[in-house]
Amino acid sequence: MTYVLTVTCDSRRGLVGPIASYLAEQGCNITDASQFDDVETGTFFARISFLSETGKTFDEIHAGFAALATELNLEWNLHDSARRMKVLVMVSNFGHCLNDLLYRWRIGALPIEIVGVVSNHLTYQKVVVNHDLPFYHIPVTAATKATAEERLLEVVDSSGAELIVLARYMQVLSDKLCEKMSGRIINIHHSFLPSFKGANPYKQAFNGGVKLIGATSHYVTADLDEGPIIEQDIIRVTHAQSASDYVSLGRDVEAQVLARAVHAHVQNRVFLNGGKTVVFPASPGDYVSDRMG
């Protein structure tokens, strides 16, 4: 069995040795390890992938490490790589990110368990149902916003969703939901930097004569589009391209950036570090599909 150990604590000497020694004593072989020492915040981050080669179970390794974690004053978690995180996807009327996530999920390239899709429109109901997934239509108006969010919270609780992915969901979530799911809601913003806000951002970019367009995926906080950034990417554009070209190119980047951010989160590679994140690279085999021939 393959497991992932994540650790956060105050930076100091003598942390890595005891952790590695414990795993070795349990008959575990470390296959990949990443660590980062933030000298500005004095915080240490580590992600360690390992194999149990002597039959030690998850519960046995977890129970034994708890004592060491207390001794070293660690914030930590142990993850079973075979377990897929439960994800609830939310979408409005733009389906490029939803379709991309569904495709990656279907072929096994995105190791998640999609527990449903929520939308304030019926545009993608058939697409979702054809994937044998629950579809939740929750209309939102100014008058029904509070009731709609109560219904959304019911779906989150009943589905056991551990992560919400806003795949171009064009409604602002309440502070209550942001707090309840802090660090567990990922959004895609249609700009490399959030300088073009509101309607028609690519038209704004076109009119501004920009040379680079891109996308930013971040955790959702009460501050709109200002949460800790997980992933970004850009593409170069020229004066010869139209505003429609910007939209097409931008949507491609959005889908890729969102998928990479979700992948990093469900692989436990993202650590919150104040208002920003530490994102470790993928381990060997993290992108290998178990469904493709």
Protein backbone atom coordinates (compact mmCIF):
# COMPACT_ATOMS: atom_id res chain seq x y z
CA MET A 1 0.00 0.00 0.00
CA THR A 2 1.12 3.55 -0.77
CA TYR A 3 0.59 6.34 1.74
CA VAL A 4 1.33 10.06 1.90
CA LEU A 5 2.40 11.80 5.09
CA THR A 6 2.00 15.59 5.25
CA VAL A 7 3.65 17.63 7.99
CA THR A 8 3.59 21.28 9.02
CA CYS A 9 5.35 22.71 12.06
CA ASP A 10 7.65 25.41 13.35
CA SER A 11 11.01 25.23 11.62
CA ARG A 12 13.87 23.75 13.63
CA ARG A 13 16.66 21.23 13.39
CA GLY A 14 16.15 17.50 13.86
CA LEU A 15 12.77 17.00 12.18
CA VAL A 16 13.46 14.86 9.13
CA GLY A 17 15.60 12.24 10.88
CA PRO A 18 13.03 11.05 13.45
CA ILE A 19 10.27 10.89 10.81
CA ALA A 20 12.41 8.84 8.41
CA SER A 21 13.56 6.58 11.23
CA TYR A 22 9.99 5.90 12.35
CA LEU A 23 8.93 4.91 8.84
CA ALA A 24 11.95 2.64 8.46
CA GLU A 25 11.17 0.96 11.78
CA GLN A 26 7.64 0.25 10.52
CA GLY A 27 9.00 -1.47 7.41
CA CYS A 28 8.13 1.42 5.11
CA ASN A 29 10.16 2.51 2.10
CA ILE A 30 10.13 6.23 1.20
CA THR A 31 9.57 6.61 -2.54
CA ASP A 32 9.37 10.40 -2.76
CA ALA A 33 9.92 13.29 -0.38
CA SER A 34 9.55 17.07 -0.70
CA GLN A 35 10.22 19.66 1.95
CA PHE A 36 10.34 23.43 2.26
CA ASP A 37 11.55 25.66 5.05
CA ASP A 38 9.99 29.12 4.87
CA VAL A 39 12.53 31.37 6.53
CA GLU A 40 10.15 34.34 6.51
CA THR A 41 7.39 32.62 8.50
CA GLY A 42 9.59 30.10 10.29
CA THR A 43 7.42 27.24 9.08
CA PHE A 44 8.48 23.80 7.86
CA PHE A 45 6.44 21.84 5.30
CA ALA A 46 6.96 18.25 4.16
CA ARG A 47 5.21 15.67 1.99
CA ILE A 48 6.49 12.10 2.10
CA SER A 49 5.24 9.22 -0.07
CA PHE A 50 6.07 5.72 1.10
CA LEU A 51 5.25 2.05 0.66
CA SER A 52 4.40 -0.34 3.46
CA GLU A 53 6.57 -3.33 2.61
CA THR A 54 5.92 -5.50 5.67
CA GLY A 55 2.13 -5.45 5.82
CA LYS A 56 1.74 -2.61 8.32
CA THR A 57 -1.77 -1.22 7.97
CA PHE A 58 -2.84 2.40 7.71
CA ASP A 59 -4.26 2.33 11.24
CA GLU A 60 -1.07 0.83 12.69
CA ILE A 61 1.17 3.41 11.02
CA HIS A 62 -1.19 6.22 11.98
CA ALA A 63 -1.42 5.22 15.62
CA GLY A 64 2.33 4.83 15.98
CA PHE A 65 3.12 8.15 14.33
CA ALA A 66 0.69 10.03 16.60
CA ALA A 67 3.05 9.64 19.56
CA LEU A 68 6.01 10.95 17.57
CA ALA A 69 3.94 13.85 16.24
CA THR A 70 3.02 14.85 19.79
CA GLU A 71 6.66 14.68 20.84
CA LEU A 72 7.77 16.84 17.91
CA ASN A 73 4.70 19.12 18.04
CA LEU A 74 3.69 18.44 14.43
CA GLU A 75 0.52 19.28 12.52
CA TRP A 76 0.18 16.23 10.32
CA ASN A 77 -2.05 13.91 8.36
CA LEU A 78 -1.68 10.47 6.86
CA HIS A 79 -3.41 9.77 3.56
CA ASP A 80 -4.16 6.48 1.83
CA SER A 81 -3.31 7.02 -1.85
CA ALA A 82 -5.93 4.47 -2.89
CA ARG A 83 -8.73 6.53 -1.37
CA ARG A 84 -10.28 9.05 -3.76
CA MET A 85 -11.39 12.42 -2.44
CA LYS A 86 -15.11 13.20 -2.77
CA VAL A 87 -15.59 16.23 -5.00
CA LEU A 88 -18.67 18.34 -5.71
CA VAL A 89 -18.45 20.36 -8.93
CA MET A 90 -20.41 23.59 -9.46
CA VAL A 91 -21.05 25.20 -12.85
CA SER A 92 -23.21 27.86 -14.47
CA ASN A 93 -23.47 28.41 -18.23
CA PHE A 94 -19.85 27.93 -19.37
CA GLY A 95 -19.07 24.22 -19.58
CA HIS A 96 -15.46 24.01 -20.77
CA CYS A 97 -14.01 23.41 -17.30
CA LEU A 98 -16.79 20.98 -16.34
CA ASN A 99 -16.33 18.95 -19.52
CA ASP A 100 -12.58 18.84 -19.01
CA LEU A 101 -12.91 17.65 -15.41
CA LEU A 102 -15.46 14.99 -16.41
CA TYR A 103 -13.17 13.70 -19.15
CA ARG A 104 -10.12 13.53 -16.90
CA TRP A 105 -12.20 11.83 -14.19
CA ARG A 106 -13.67 9.33 -16.65
CA ILE A 107 -10.29 8.16 -18.00
CA GLY A 108 -8.73 8.05 -14.53
CA ALA A 109 -6.31 10.91 -15.08
CA LEU A 110 -7.87 12.85 -12.21
CA PRO A 111 -8.04 10.58 -9.14
CA ILE A 112 -11.25 11.85 -7.56
CA GLU A 113 -14.75 10.63 -6.79
CA ILE A 114 -17.24 13.12 -8.22
CA VAL A 115 -20.30 12.96 -5.96
CA GLY A 116 -22.42 15.35 -7.98
CA VAL A 117 -22.70 18.52 -10.01
CA VAL A 118 -24.57 21.61 -8.80
CA SER A 119 -25.77 24.30 -11.17
CA ASN A 120 -27.99 27.34 -11.05
CA HIS A 121 -29.03 26.51 -14.63
CA LEU A 122 -30.19 23.39 -16.50
CA THR A 123 -27.70 23.82 -19.34
CA TYR A 124 -25.51 20.83 -18.44
CA GLN A 125 -28.08 18.55 -16.81
CA LYS A 126 -28.04 16.04 -19.68
CA VAL A 127 -24.23 16.01 -19.83
CA VAL A 128 -24.01 15.23 -16.12
CA VAL A 129 -26.78 12.60 -16.12
CA ASN A 130 -25.14 10.88 -19.09
CA HIS A 131 -22.08 10.44 -16.87
CA ASP A 132 -24.30 8.67 -14.30
CA LEU A 133 -23.74 11.47 -11.79
CA PRO A 134 -26.28 13.27 -9.60
CA PHE A 135 -27.32 16.67 -10.92
CA TYR A 136 -28.61 19.27 -8.47
CA HIS A 137 -30.43 22.24 -9.95
CA ILE A 138 -30.35 25.07 -7.41
CA PRO A 139 -31.59 28.33 -8.99
CA VAL A 140 -30.25 31.51 -7.44
CA THR A 141 -31.86 34.94 -7.41
CA ALA A 142 -31.37 37.89 -5.12
CA ALA A 143 -34.55 36.91 -3.28
CA THR A 144 -33.71 33.19 -2.97
CA LYS A 145 -29.94 33.36 -2.41
CA ALA A 146 -30.07 32.41 1.29
CA THR A 147 -32.44 29.49 0.66
CA ALA A 148 -30.33 28.31 -2.28
CA GLU A 149 -27.22 28.25 -0.14
CA GLU A 150 -29.01 26.27 2.56
CA ARG A 151 -29.88 23.71 -0.10
CA LEU A 152 -26.26 23.69 -1.28
CA LEU A 153 -25.04 23.01 2.25
CA GLU A 154 -27.50 20.10 2.45
CA VAL A 155 -25.98 18.65 -0.73
CA VAL A 156 -22.46 19.08 0.67
CA ASP A 157 -23.41 17.27 3.87
CA SER A 158 -25.45 14.48 2.26
CA SER A 159 -22.86 13.75 -0.43
CA GLY A 160 -19.92 13.83 1.98
CA ALA A 161 -18.13 16.28 -0.32
CA GLU A 162 -14.61 17.05 0.89
CA LEU A 163 -13.82 19.52 -1.89
CA ILE A 164 -15.95 21.94 -3.91
CA VAL A 165 -14.69 22.88 -7.37
CA LEU A 166 -16.15 26.00 -8.95
CA ALA A 167 -15.89 25.17 -12.66
CA ARG A 168 -16.97 28.64 -13.81
CA TYR A 169 -19.80 28.88 -11.29
CA MET A 170 -20.87 32.50 -11.58
CA GLN A 171 -22.36 33.10 -8.15
CA VAL A 172 -20.62 34.51 -5.08
CA LEU A 173 -20.59 32.11 -2.14
CA SER A 174 -21.49 33.36 1.32
CA ASP A 175 -18.96 33.89 4.09
CA LYS A 176 -20.68 31.05 5.99
CA LEU A 177 -19.93 28.50 3.28
CA CYS A 178 -16.40 29.86 2.75
CA GLU A 179 -15.70 29.43 6.45
CA LYS A 180 -17.27 25.96 6.63
CA MET A 181 -15.17 24.75 3.69
CA SER A 182 -12.06 26.86 4.32
CA GLY A 183 -9.20 25.53 2.21
CA ARG A 184 -11.60 23.15 0.46
CA ILE A 185 -13.17 25.30 -2.28
CA ILE A 186 -11.18 25.83 -5.47
CA ASN A 187 -12.11 28.44 -8.07
CA ILE A 188 -10.83 29.34 -11.53
CA HIS A 189 -10.36 33.01 -12.33
CA HIS A 190 -10.23 34.03 -15.96
CA SER A 191 -7.15 36.19 -15.60
CA PHE A 192 -3.48 35.62 -14.87
CA LEU A 193 -3.77 38.50 -12.44
CA PRO A 194 -7.25 39.67 -11.38
CA SER A 195 -6.98 42.97 -13.20
CA PHE A 196 -9.97 42.41 -15.48
CA LYS A 197 -12.97 41.86 -13.23
CA GLY A 198 -16.68 41.70 -13.96
CA ALA A 199 -18.28 41.07 -17.33
CA ASN A 200 -16.39 40.25 -20.54
CA PRO A 201 -12.86 40.05 -19.09
CA TYR A 202 -11.37 38.90 -22.41
CA LYS A 203 -13.00 41.83 -24.19
CA GLN A 204 -11.41 44.10 -21.58
CA ALA A 205 -8.06 42.42 -22.19
CA PHE A 206 -8.47 42.81 -25.95
CA ASN A 207 -9.35 46.47 -25.63
CA GLY A 208 -6.38 46.95 -23.33
CA GLY A 209 -4.00 45.50 -25.91
CA VAL A 210 -2.51 42.91 -23.57
CA LYS A 211 0.16 40.53 -24.85
CA LEU A 212 -0.42 37.75 -22.33
CA ILE A 213 -3.67 36.23 -21.14
CA GLY A 214 -4.00 33.49 -18.60
CA ALA A 215 -5.86 31.96 -15.69
CA THR A 216 -5.47 31.66 -11.93
CA SER A 217 -6.83 28.88 -9.74
CA HIS A 218 -7.11 29.70 -6.06
CA TYR A 219 -8.83 28.78 -2.81
CA VAL A 220 -12.05 30.67 -2.19
CA THR A 221 -12.19 33.11 0.72
CA ALA A 222 -14.62 35.80 1.78
CA ASP A 223 -12.52 38.26 -0.26
CA LEU A 224 -13.71 37.75 -3.85
CA ASP A 225 -10.99 36.33 -6.13
CA GLU A 226 -8.31 37.09 -3.55
CA GLY A 227 -7.73 33.63 -2.03
CA PRO A 228 -4.38 31.80 -1.86
CA ILE A 229 -3.20 30.92 -5.37
CA ILE A 230 -2.63 27.26 -6.26
CA GLU A 231 -1.88 27.29 -10.00
CA GLN A 232 -1.46 29.76 -12.86
CA ASP A 233 -0.62 29.71 -16.54
CA ILE A 234 -0.47 32.09 -19.48
CA ILE A 235 -0.53 32.15 -23.27
CA ARG A 236 0.83 34.83 -25.58
CA VAL A 237 -1.56 36.74 -27.86
CA THR A 238 -0.93 39.27 -30.61
CA HIS A 239 -2.57 42.28 -32.21
CA ALA A 240 -3.68 40.07 -35.09
CA GLN A 241 -6.06 38.05 -32.92
CA SER A 242 -9.65 38.97 -32.17
CA ALA A 243 -11.54 39.18 -28.91
CA SER A 244 -13.16 35.84 -29.84
CA ASP A 245 -9.70 34.30 -30.19
CA TYR A 246 -8.89 35.55 -26.70
CA VAL A 247 -11.99 33.79 -25.36
CA SER A 248 -11.15 30.46 -27.06
CA LEU A 249 -7.52 30.51 -25.98
CA GLY A 250 -8.43 31.66 -22.49
CA ARG A 251 -10.91 28.85 -21.98
CA ASP A 252 -8.27 26.27 -22.85
CA VAL A 253 -5.92 27.75 -20.27
CA GLU A 254 -8.68 27.92 -17.66
CA ALA A 255 -9.50 24.22 -18.03
CA GLN A 256 -5.85 23.17 -17.77
CA VAL A 257 -5.09 25.38 -14.79
CA LEU A 258 -8.17 24.26 -12.86
CA ALA A 259 -7.42 20.57 -13.49
CA ARG A 260 -3.83 20.99 -12.29
CA ALA A 261 -4.99 22.80 -9.16
CA VAL A 262 -7.53 20.09 -8.34
CA HIS A 263 -4.95 17.38 -8.97
CA ALA A 264 -2.46 19.06 -6.65
CA HIS A 265 -5.07 19.41 -3.90
CA VAL A 266 -6.36 15.83 -4.02
CA GLN A 267 -2.78 14.52 -4.10
CA ASN A 268 -2.15 16.45 -0.86
CA ARG A 269 0.56 18.55 -2.46
CA VAL A 270 -0.85 21.96 -1.44
CA PHE A 271 -0.16 23.55 1.94
CA LEU A 272 -1.69 26.82 3.10
CA ASN A 273 1.01 29.24 4.17
CA GLY A 274 -0.74 32.34 5.44
CA GLY A 275 -2.19 34.17 2.43
CA LYS A 276 -0.30 32.00 -0.06
CA THR A 277 0.46 28.33 -0.67
CA VAL A 278 3.30 25.86 -0.83
CA VAL A 279 2.74 23.49 -3.76
CA PHE A 280 5.05 20.50 -4.07
CA PRO A 281 5.66 18.80 -7.44
CA ALA A 282 3.86 15.59 -8.32
CA SER A 283 5.40 12.33 -7.18
CA PRO A 284 6.36 9.63 -9.71
CA GLY A 285 3.16 7.91 -10.84
CA ASP A 286 0.79 10.66 -9.67
CA TYR A 287 -0.38 11.29 -13.22
CA VAL A 288 -0.60 7.64 -14.26
CA SER A 289 -4.15 6.62 -15.14
CA ASP A 290 -5.49 3.36 -13.78
CA ARG A 291 -8.24 3.16 -16.39
CA MET A 292 -6.43 3.73 -19.67
CA GLY A 293 -5.10 0.82 -21.65
